[in-house]
PDB file of N, CA and C in Angstrom:
ATOM      1  N   UNK A   1     -11.227   3.214  11.876  1.00  0.00           N
ATOM      2  CA  UNK A   1      -9.785   2.944  10.968  1.00  0.00           C
ATOM      3  C   UNK A   1      -8.680   3.579  11.877  1.00  0.00           C
ATOM      4  N   UNK A   2      -7.400   2.698  11.772  1.00  0.00           N
ATOM      5  CA  UNK A   2      -6.360   2.908  12.711  1.00  0.00           C
ATOM      6  C   UNK A   2      -5.255   2.740  11.859  1.00  0.00           C
ATOM      7  N   UNK A   3      -4.884   3.725  10.979  1.00  0.00           N
ATOM      8  CA  UNK A   3      -3.771   3.356   9.817  1.00  0.00           C
ATOM      9  C   UNK A   3      -2.508   3.898  10.374  1.00  0.00           C
ATOM     10  N   UNK A   4      -1.461   3.324  10.551  1.00  0.00           N
ATOM     11  CA  UNK A   4      -0.210   3.744  11.127  1.00  0.00           C
ATOM     12  C   UNK A   4       0.412   5.052  10.410  1.00  0.00           C
ATOM     13  N   UNK A   5       0.432   4.884   9.126  1.00  0.00           N
ATOM     14  CA  UNK A   5       1.040   5.716   8.216  1.00  0.00           C
ATOM     15  C   UNK A   5      -0.026   6.917   7.800  1.00  0.00           C
ATOM     16  N   UNK A   6       0.773   7.879   7.402  1.00  0.00           N
ATOM     17  CA  UNK A   6      -0.029   9.246   7.130  1.00  0.00           C
ATOM     18  C   UNK A   6      -0.573   9.278   5.284  1.00  0.00           C
ATOM     19  N   UNK A   7      -1.515   8.304   5.317  1.00  0.00           N
ATOM     20  CA  UNK A   7      -2.090   8.278   3.972  1.00  0.00           C
ATOM     21  C   UNK A   7      -3.016   9.475   3.732  1.00  0.00           C
ATOM     22  N   UNK A   8      -3.138   9.688   2.397  1.00  0.00           N
ATOM     23  CA  UNK A   8      -4.083  10.575   2.033  1.00  0.00           C
ATOM     24  C   UNK A   8      -5.117  10.087   1.209  1.00  0.00           C
ATOM     25  N   UNK A   9      -6.275  10.249   1.614  1.00  0.00           N
ATOM     26  CA  UNK A   9      -7.421   9.205   0.841  1.00  0.00           C
ATOM     27  C   UNK A   9      -8.193  10.403  -0.121  1.00  0.00           C
ATOM     28  N   UNK A  10      -9.089   9.982  -0.792  1.00  0.00           N
ATOM     29  CA  UNK A  10      -9.664  10.612  -1.716  1.00  0.00           C
ATOM     30  C   UNK A  10     -11.278  10.665  -1.471  1.00  0.00           C
ATOM     31  N   UNK A  11     -11.589  10.614  -0.153  1.00  0.00           N
ATOM     32  CA  UNK A  11     -12.756  10.677   0.181  1.00  0.00           C
ATOM     33  C   UNK A  11     -13.432  12.078   0.248  1.00  0.00           C
ATOM     34  N   UNK A  12     -14.654  12.306   0.325  1.00  0.00           N
ATOM     35  CA  UNK A  12     -14.981  13.701   0.276  1.00  0.00           C
ATOM     36  C   UNK A  12     -15.012  14.180   1.631  1.00  0.00           C
ATOM     37  N   UNK A  13     -15.120  15.657   1.650  1.00  0.00           N
ATOM     38  CA  UNK A  13     -14.716  16.588   2.937  1.00  0.00           C
ATOM     39  C   UNK A  13     -15.920  15.875   3.980  1.00  0.00           C
ATOM     40  N   UNK A  14     -15.363  15.857   5.199  1.00  0.00           N
ATOM     41  CA  UNK A  14     -16.129  15.307   6.300  1.00  0.00           C
ATOM     42  C   UNK A  14     -16.994  13.921   6.175  1.00  0.00           C
ATOM     43  N   UNK A  15     -16.266  13.158   5.334  1.00  0.00           N
ATOM     44  CA  UNK A  15     -16.389  11.805   5.025  1.00  0.00           C
ATOM     45  C   UNK A  15     -15.567  10.873   5.793  1.00  0.00           C
ATOM     46  N   UNK A  16     -15.610   9.642   6.506  1.00  0.00           N
ATOM     47  CA  UNK A  16     -14.961   8.797   6.896  1.00  0.00           C
ATOM     48  C   UNK A  16     -13.769   8.274   5.815  1.00  0.00           C
ATOM     49  N   UNK A  17     -12.726   8.124   6.593  1.00  0.00           N
ATOM     50  CA  UNK A  17     -11.725   7.567   5.344  1.00  0.00           C
ATOM     51  C   UNK A  17     -11.727   6.198   4.852  1.00  0.00           C
ATOM     52  N   UNK A  18     -12.469   5.655   5.379  1.00  0.00           N
ATOM     53  CA  UNK A  18     -12.987   4.329   4.834  1.00  0.00           C
ATOM     54  C   UNK A  18     -13.847   4.578   3.720  1.00  0.00           C
ATOM     55  N   UNK A  19     -14.233   5.750   3.242  1.00  0.00           N
ATOM     56  CA  UNK A  19     -15.268   5.819   2.194  1.00  0.00           C
ATOM     57  C   UNK A  19     -14.207   6.043   0.934  1.00  0.00           C
ATOM     58  N   UNK A  20     -12.694   6.223   1.245  1.00  0.00           N
ATOM     59  CA  UNK A  20     -11.863   6.233  -0.007  1.00  0.00           C
ATOM     60  C   UNK A  20     -11.872   5.049  -0.899  1.00  0.00           C
ATOM     61  N   UNK A  21     -11.253   5.481  -1.991  1.00  0.00           N
ATOM     62  CA  UNK A  21     -11.091   3.984  -2.855  1.00  0.00           C
ATOM     63  C   UNK A  21      -9.732   3.993  -3.367  1.00  0.00           C
ATOM     64  N   UNK A  22      -8.995   5.100  -2.681  1.00  0.00           N
ATOM     65  CA  UNK A  22      -7.488   5.230  -2.881  1.00  0.00           C
ATOM     66  C   UNK A  22      -6.747   5.954  -1.507  1.00  0.00           C
ATOM     67  N   UNK A  23      -5.660   5.293  -1.085  1.00  0.00           N
ATOM     68  CA  UNK A  23      -4.962   6.130   0.032  1.00  0.00           C
ATOM     69  C   UNK A  23      -3.718   6.038  -0.958  1.00  0.00           C
ATOM     70  N   UNK A  24      -2.846   7.207  -0.642  1.00  0.00           N
ATOM     71  CA  UNK A  24      -1.651   7.418  -0.993  1.00  0.00           C
ATOM     72  C   UNK A  24      -0.684   7.983  -0.061  1.00  0.00           C
ATOM     73  N   UNK A  25       0.640   7.674  -0.615  1.00  0.00           N
ATOM     74  CA  UNK A  25       1.949   8.143   0.118  1.00  0.00           C
ATOM     75  C   UNK A  25       2.739   8.876  -0.999  1.00  0.00           C
ATOM     76  N   UNK A  26       3.525   9.811  -0.688  1.00  0.00           N
ATOM     77  CA  UNK A  26       4.403  10.199  -2.028  1.00  0.00           C
ATOM     78  C   UNK A  26       5.825  10.254  -1.477  1.00  0.00           C
ATOM     79  N   UNK A  27       6.101  10.077  -0.159  1.00  0.00           N
ATOM     80  CA  UNK A  27       7.303  10.031   0.441  1.00  0.00           C
ATOM     81  C   UNK A  27       7.413   8.845   1.344  1.00  0.00           C
ATOM     82  N   UNK A  28       8.428   7.888   1.325  1.00  0.00           N
ATOM     83  CA  UNK A  28       9.955   8.288   0.920  1.00  0.00           C
ATOM     84  C   UNK A  28       9.657   7.933  -0.831  1.00  0.00           C
ATOM     85  N   UNK A  29       8.559   7.119  -1.158  1.00  0.00           N
ATOM     86  CA  UNK A  29       8.586   7.073  -2.620  1.00  0.00           C
ATOM     87  C   UNK A  29       6.787   6.765  -2.713  1.00  0.00           C
ATOM     88  N   UNK A  30       6.565   6.930  -4.157  1.00  0.00           N
ATOM     89  CA  UNK A  30       5.277   6.947  -4.350  1.00  0.00           C
ATOM     90  C   UNK A  30       4.495   5.831  -4.089  1.00  0.00           C
ATOM     91  N   UNK A  31       3.257   5.582  -3.218  1.00  0.00           N
ATOM     92  CA  UNK A  31       2.628   4.186  -3.144  1.00  0.00           C
ATOM     93  C   UNK A  31       1.158   4.623  -3.104  1.00  0.00           C
ATOM     94  N   UNK A  32       0.520   3.387  -3.471  1.00  0.00           N
ATOM     95  CA  UNK A  32      -1.026   3.465  -2.694  1.00  0.00           C
ATOM     96  C   UNK A  32      -1.651   2.176  -2.412  1.00  0.00           C
ATOM     97  N   UNK A  33      -2.623   2.306  -1.577  1.00  0.00           N
ATOM     98  CA  UNK A  33      -3.477   0.930  -1.628  1.00  0.00           C
ATOM     99  C   UNK A  33      -4.911   1.669  -2.316  1.00  0.00           C
ATOM    100  N   UNK A  34      -5.273   0.773  -3.026  1.00  0.00           N
ATOM    101  CA  UNK A  34      -6.314   1.123  -3.556  1.00  0.00           C
ATOM    102  C   UNK A  34      -7.484   0.012  -4.060  1.00  0.00           C
ATOM    103  N   UNK A  35      -8.748   0.342  -4.568  1.00  0.00           N
ATOM    104  CA  UNK A  35      -9.510  -0.563  -5.171  1.00  0.00           C
ATOM    105  C   UNK A  35      -9.381  -0.563  -6.832  1.00  0.00           C
ATOM    106  N   UNK A  36      -9.840  -1.470  -7.303  1.00  0.00           N
ATOM    107  CA  UNK A  36      -9.948  -1.433  -8.959  1.00  0.00           C
ATOM    108  C   UNK A  36     -11.600  -1.744  -9.104  1.00  0.00           C
ATOM    109  N   UNK A  37     -11.956  -0.699 -10.127  1.00  0.00           N
ATOM    110  CA  UNK A  37     -13.357  -1.052 -10.661  1.00  0.00           C
ATOM    111  C   UNK A  37     -13.753  -2.249 -11.199  1.00  0.00           C
ATOM    112  N   UNK A  38     -14.910  -2.568 -10.777  1.00  0.00           N
ATOM    113  CA  UNK A  38     -15.051  -4.194 -11.135  1.00  0.00           C
ATOM    114  C   UNK A  38     -14.567  -5.196 -10.332  1.00  0.00           C
ATOM    115  N   UNK A  39     -13.799  -4.651  -9.107  1.00  0.00           N
ATOM    116  CA  UNK A  39     -13.283  -6.017  -8.584  1.00  0.00           C
ATOM    117  C   UNK A  39     -13.729  -5.893  -7.123  1.00  0.00           C
ATOM    118  N   UNK A  40     -14.876  -5.228  -6.724  1.00  0.00           N
ATOM    119  CA  UNK A  40     -15.542  -5.059  -5.450  1.00  0.00           C
ATOM    120  C   UNK A  40     -14.557  -4.086  -4.644  1.00  0.00           C
ATOM    121  N   UNK A  41     -14.611  -4.494  -3.514  1.00  0.00           N
ATOM    122  CA  UNK A  41     -14.021  -3.628  -2.330  1.00  0.00           C
ATOM    123  C   UNK A  41     -12.609  -4.046  -2.172  1.00  0.00           C
ATOM    124  N   UNK A  42     -12.234  -5.118  -2.959  1.00  0.00           N
ATOM    125  CA  UNK A  42     -11.041  -5.834  -2.744  1.00  0.00           C
ATOM    126  C   UNK A  42      -9.536  -4.474  -2.884  1.00  0.00           C
ATOM    127  N   UNK A  43      -8.732  -4.983  -1.946  1.00  0.00           N
ATOM    128  CA  UNK A  43      -7.594  -3.890  -1.989  1.00  0.00           C
ATOM    129  C   UNK A  43      -6.297  -4.076  -2.708  1.00  0.00           C
ATOM    130  N   UNK A  44      -5.680  -3.269  -3.448  1.00  0.00           N
ATOM    131  CA  UNK A  44      -4.435  -3.624  -4.145  1.00  0.00           C
ATOM    132  C   UNK A  44      -3.148  -2.715  -3.521  1.00  0.00           C
ATOM    133  N   UNK A  45      -2.234  -3.093  -3.648  1.00  0.00           N
ATOM    134  CA  UNK A  45      -0.857  -2.034  -3.449  1.00  0.00           C
ATOM    135  C   UNK A  45      -0.133  -1.977  -4.576  1.00  0.00           C
ATOM    136  N   UNK A  46       0.267  -0.505  -4.780  1.00  0.00           N
ATOM    137  CA  UNK A  46       1.056  -0.348  -5.846  1.00  0.00           C
ATOM    138  C   UNK A  46       2.108   0.580  -5.448  1.00  0.00           C
ATOM    139  N   UNK A  47       3.567   0.167  -6.028  1.00  0.00           N
ATOM    140  CA  UNK A  47       4.576   0.890  -5.542  1.00  0.00           C
ATOM    141  C   UNK A  47       5.793   0.717  -6.541  1.00  0.00           C
ATOM    142  N   UNK A  48       5.704   1.427  -7.712  1.00  0.00           N
ATOM    143  CA  UNK A  48       6.590   1.010  -8.845  1.00  0.00           C
ATOM    144  C   UNK A  48       8.100   0.845  -8.459  1.00  0.00           C
ATOM    145  N   UNK A  49       8.328   1.991  -7.580  1.00  0.00           N
ATOM    146  CA  UNK A  49       9.809   1.720  -7.235  1.00  0.00           C
ATOM    147  C   UNK A  49      10.308   0.450  -6.561  1.00  0.00           C
ATOM    148  N   UNK A  50       9.366  -0.209  -6.067  1.00  0.00           N
ATOM    149  CA  UNK A  50       9.782  -1.274  -5.351  1.00  0.00           C
ATOM    150  C   UNK A  50       9.364  -2.605  -5.930  1.00  0.00           C
ATOM    151  N   UNK A  51       8.761  -2.203  -7.241  1.00  0.00           N
ATOM    152  CA  UNK A  51       8.433  -3.525  -8.078  1.00  0.00           C
ATOM    153  C   UNK A  51       7.028  -3.763  -7.862  1.00  0.00           C
ATOM    154  N   UNK A  52       6.017  -3.351  -7.415  1.00  0.00           N
ATOM    155  CA  UNK A  52       4.755  -3.724  -7.012  1.00  0.00           C
ATOM    156  C   UNK A  52       4.094  -2.768  -7.934  1.00  0.00           C
ATOM    157  N   UNK A  53       3.757  -3.558  -9.200  1.00  0.00           N
ATOM    158  CA  UNK A  53       2.663  -2.817 -10.076  1.00  0.00           C
ATOM    159  C   UNK A  53       1.230  -2.831  -9.671  1.00  0.00           C
ATOM    160  N   UNK A  54       0.559  -3.925  -8.960  1.00  0.00           N
ATOM    161  CA  UNK A  54      -0.548  -4.099  -8.604  1.00  0.00           C
ATOM    162  C   UNK A  54      -0.746  -5.124  -7.772  1.00  0.00           C
ATOM    163  N   UNK A  55      -0.387  -5.047  -6.624  1.00  0.00           N
ATOM    164  CA  UNK A  55      -0.291  -6.682  -5.846  1.00  0.00           C
ATOM    165  C   UNK A  55      -1.665  -6.587  -4.991  1.00  0.00           C
ATOM    166  N   UNK A  56      -2.310  -7.848  -5.254  1.00  0.00           N
ATOM    167  CA  UNK A  56      -3.517  -7.939  -4.550  1.00  0.00           C
ATOM    168  C   UNK A  56      -3.219  -8.350  -3.192  1.00  0.00           C
ATOM    169  N   UNK A  57      -3.919  -7.761  -2.147  1.00  0.00           N
ATOM    170  CA  UNK A  57      -3.815  -7.804  -0.685  1.00  0.00           C
ATOM    171  C   UNK A  57      -4.850  -8.781  -0.238  1.00  0.00           C
ATOM    172  N   UNK A  58      -5.478  -9.293  -0.763  1.00  0.00           N
ATOM    173  CA  UNK A  58      -6.374 -10.254  -0.476  1.00  0.00           C
ATOM    174  C   UNK A  58      -7.134  -9.765   0.720  1.00  0.00           C
ATOM    175  N   UNK A  59      -7.636  -8.668   0.847  1.00  0.00           N
ATOM    176  CA  UNK A  59      -8.547  -8.178   1.876  1.00  0.00           C
ATOM    177  C   UNK A  59      -9.343  -7.073   1.492  1.00  0.00           C
ATOM    178  N   UNK A  60     -10.473  -6.446   2.388  1.00  0.00           N
ATOM    179  CA  UNK A  60     -11.163  -5.566   1.822  1.00  0.00           C
ATOM    180  C   UNK A  60     -10.893  -4.260   3.146  1.00  0.00           C
ATOM    181  N   UNK A  61     -10.243  -4.994   3.950  1.00  0.00           N
ATOM    182  CA  UNK A  61     -10.018  -3.899   5.366  1.00  0.00           C
ATOM    183  C   UNK A  61      -8.854  -3.203   5.076  1.00  0.00           C
ATOM    184  N   UNK A  62      -9.079  -1.782   5.078  1.00  0.00           N
ATOM    185  CA  UNK A  62      -7.772  -0.713   5.077  1.00  0.00           C
ATOM    186  C   UNK A  62      -6.777  -0.861   6.193  1.00  0.00           C
ATOM    187  N   UNK A  63      -7.131  -1.369   7.331  1.00  0.00           N
ATOM    188  CA  UNK A  63      -5.987  -1.505   8.479  1.00  0.00           C
ATOM    189  C   UNK A  63      -5.102  -2.663   7.987  1.00  0.00           C
ATOM    190  N   UNK A  64      -5.621  -3.918   7.653  1.00  0.00           N
ATOM    191  CA  UNK A  64      -5.095  -5.011   7.065  1.00  0.00           C
ATOM    192  C   UNK A  64      -4.332  -4.834   5.977  1.00  0.00           C
ATOM    193  N   UNK A  65      -4.795  -4.369   5.004  1.00  0.00           N
ATOM    194  CA  UNK A  65      -4.065  -3.815   3.583  1.00  0.00           C
ATOM    195  C   UNK A  65      -2.892  -3.119   4.105  1.00  0.00           C
ATOM    196  N   UNK A  66      -3.164  -1.995   4.833  1.00  0.00           N
ATOM    197  CA  UNK A  66      -1.864  -1.446   5.249  1.00  0.00           C
ATOM    198  C   UNK A  66      -0.599  -2.163   5.866  1.00  0.00           C
ATOM    199  N   UNK A  67      -1.117  -3.173   6.605  1.00  0.00           N
ATOM    200  CA  UNK A  67      -0.366  -4.130   7.361  1.00  0.00           C
ATOM    201  C   UNK A  67       0.524  -4.695   6.370  1.00  0.00           C
ATOM    202  N   UNK A  68      -0.204  -5.668   5.373  1.00  0.00           N
ATOM    203  CA  UNK A  68       0.275  -6.156   4.407  1.00  0.00           C
ATOM    204  C   UNK A  68       1.320  -5.325   3.707  1.00  0.00           C
ATOM    205  N   UNK A  69       0.740  -4.207   3.236  1.00  0.00           N
ATOM    206  CA  UNK A  69       1.849  -3.304   2.325  1.00  0.00           C
ATOM    207  C   UNK A  69       3.024  -3.265   2.909  1.00  0.00           C
ATOM    208  N   UNK A  70       3.148  -2.857   4.524  1.00  0.00           N
ATOM    209  CA  UNK A  70       4.236  -2.593   5.079  1.00  0.00           C
ATOM    210  C   UNK A  70       5.109  -3.804   5.091  1.00  0.00           C
ATOM    211  N   UNK A  71       4.202  -5.052   5.304  1.00  0.00           N
ATOM    212  CA  UNK A  71       4.844  -6.069   5.260  1.00  0.00           C
ATOM    213  C   UNK A  71       5.622  -6.568   3.905  1.00  0.00           C
ATOM    214  N   UNK A  72       5.013  -6.195   2.763  1.00  0.00           N
ATOM    215  CA  UNK A  72       5.541  -6.374   1.539  1.00  0.00           C
ATOM    216  C   UNK A  72       6.894  -5.580   1.229  1.00  0.00           C
ATOM    217  N   UNK A  73       6.717  -4.195   1.737  1.00  0.00           N
ATOM    218  CA  UNK A  73       7.846  -3.267   1.544  1.00  0.00           C
ATOM    219  C   UNK A  73       9.317  -3.773   2.457  1.00  0.00           C
ATOM    220  N   UNK A  74       8.807  -4.222   3.625  1.00  0.00           N
ATOM    221  CA  UNK A  74       9.868  -4.654   4.466  1.00  0.00           C
ATOM    222  C   UNK A  74      10.604  -5.951   3.832  1.00  0.00           C
ATOM    223  N   UNK A  75       9.622  -6.844   3.214  1.00  0.00           N
ATOM    224  CA  UNK A  75      10.255  -7.992   2.684  1.00  0.00           C
ATOM    225  C   UNK A  75      11.230  -7.569   1.607  1.00  0.00           C
ATOM    226  N   UNK A  76      10.858  -6.844   0.731  1.00  0.00           N
ATOM    227  CA  UNK A  76      11.590  -6.195  -0.609  1.00  0.00           C
ATOM    228  C   UNK A  76      12.828  -5.545  -0.068  1.00  0.00           C
ATOM    229  N   UNK A  77      12.735  -4.856   1.122  1.00  0.00           N
ATOM    230  CA  UNK A  77      13.838  -4.012   1.584  1.00  0.00           C
ATOM    231  C   UNK A  77      14.867  -4.969   2.068  1.00  0.00           C
ATOM    232  N   UNK A  78      14.566  -5.935   2.704  1.00  0.00           N
ATOM    233  CA  UNK A  78      15.484  -7.137   3.318  1.00  0.00           C
ATOM    234  C   UNK A  78      16.003  -7.720   1.982  1.00  0.00           C
ATOM    235  N   UNK A  79      15.301  -8.242   1.198  1.00  0.00           N
ATOM    236  CA  UNK A  79      15.900  -8.679  -0.198  1.00  0.00           C
ATOM    237  C   UNK A  79      16.885  -7.796  -0.816  1.00  0.00           C
ATOM    238  N   UNK A  80      16.448  -6.696  -0.828  1.00  0.00           N
ATOM    239  CA  UNK A  80      17.664  -5.722  -1.607  1.00  0.00           C
ATOM    240  C   UNK A  80      19.048  -5.755  -0.819  1.00  0.00           C
ATOM    241  N   UNK A  81      18.664  -5.633   0.326  1.00  0.00           N
ATOM    242  CA  UNK A  81      19.712  -5.613   1.460  1.00  0.00           C
ATOM    243  C   UNK A  81      20.784  -6.515   1.337  1.00  0.00           C
ATOM    244  N   UNK A  82      20.046  -7.985   1.263  1.00  0.00           N
ATOM    245  CA  UNK A  82      21.031  -9.098   1.220  1.00  0.00           C
ATOM    246  C   UNK A  82      21.632  -9.125   0.154  1.00  0.00           C
ATOM    247  N   UNK A  83      21.040  -8.571  -1.201  1.00  0.00           N
ATOM    248  CA  UNK A  83      21.927  -8.887  -2.541  1.00  0.00           C
ATOM    249  C   UNK A  83      22.862  -7.875  -2.537  1.00  0.00           C
ATOM    250  N   UNK A  84      22.600  -6.705  -1.735  1.00  0.00           N
ATOM    251  CA  UNK A  84      24.001  -5.749  -1.657  1.00  0.00           C
ATOM    252  C   UNK A  84      25.049  -6.271  -0.808  1.00  0.00           C
ATOM    253  N   UNK A  85      24.699  -6.899   0.186  1.00  0.00           N
ATOM    254  CA  UNK A  85      25.826  -7.647   0.824  1.00  0.00           C
ATOM    255  C   UNK A  85      26.387  -8.649   0.201  1.00  0.00           C
ATOM    256  N   UNK A  86      25.877  -9.316  -0.657  1.00  0.00           N
ATOM    257  CA  UNK A  86      26.530 -10.434  -1.240  1.00  0.00           C
ATOM    258  C   UNK A  86      27.552  -9.688  -2.510  1.00  0.00           C
ATOM    259  N   UNK A  87      26.949  -8.486  -2.731  1.00  0.00           N
ATOM    260  CA  UNK A  87      27.801  -7.926  -3.666  1.00  0.00           C
ATOM    261  C   UNK A  87      29.524  -7.616  -3.145  1.00  0.00           C
ATOM    262  N   UNK A  88      28.987  -7.190  -2.038  1.00  0.00           N
ATOM    263  CA  UNK A  88      30.438  -6.612  -1.150  1.00  0.00           C
ATOM    264  C   UNK A  88      31.291  -7.681  -0.710  1.00  0.00           C
TER     265      UNK A  88
END
């Protein structure tokens, strides 16, 4: 697994990070990539501060999930930036 960000997983000690059911970051804001009980190995993205209560990432691969989550955050940040520019 080659994730770019410094996610913290809930895997057991000496267990590969791919055994996680949730990966979390708390800075610059709280966000997670996680599984839901009853939904198999499908991964979801949650970041309340950016308005993502539980976004289905359409993948079971942690690396792809991170890529999609970063893309979602970038699109949201760009949208916010454009709205602020319009205000000015």
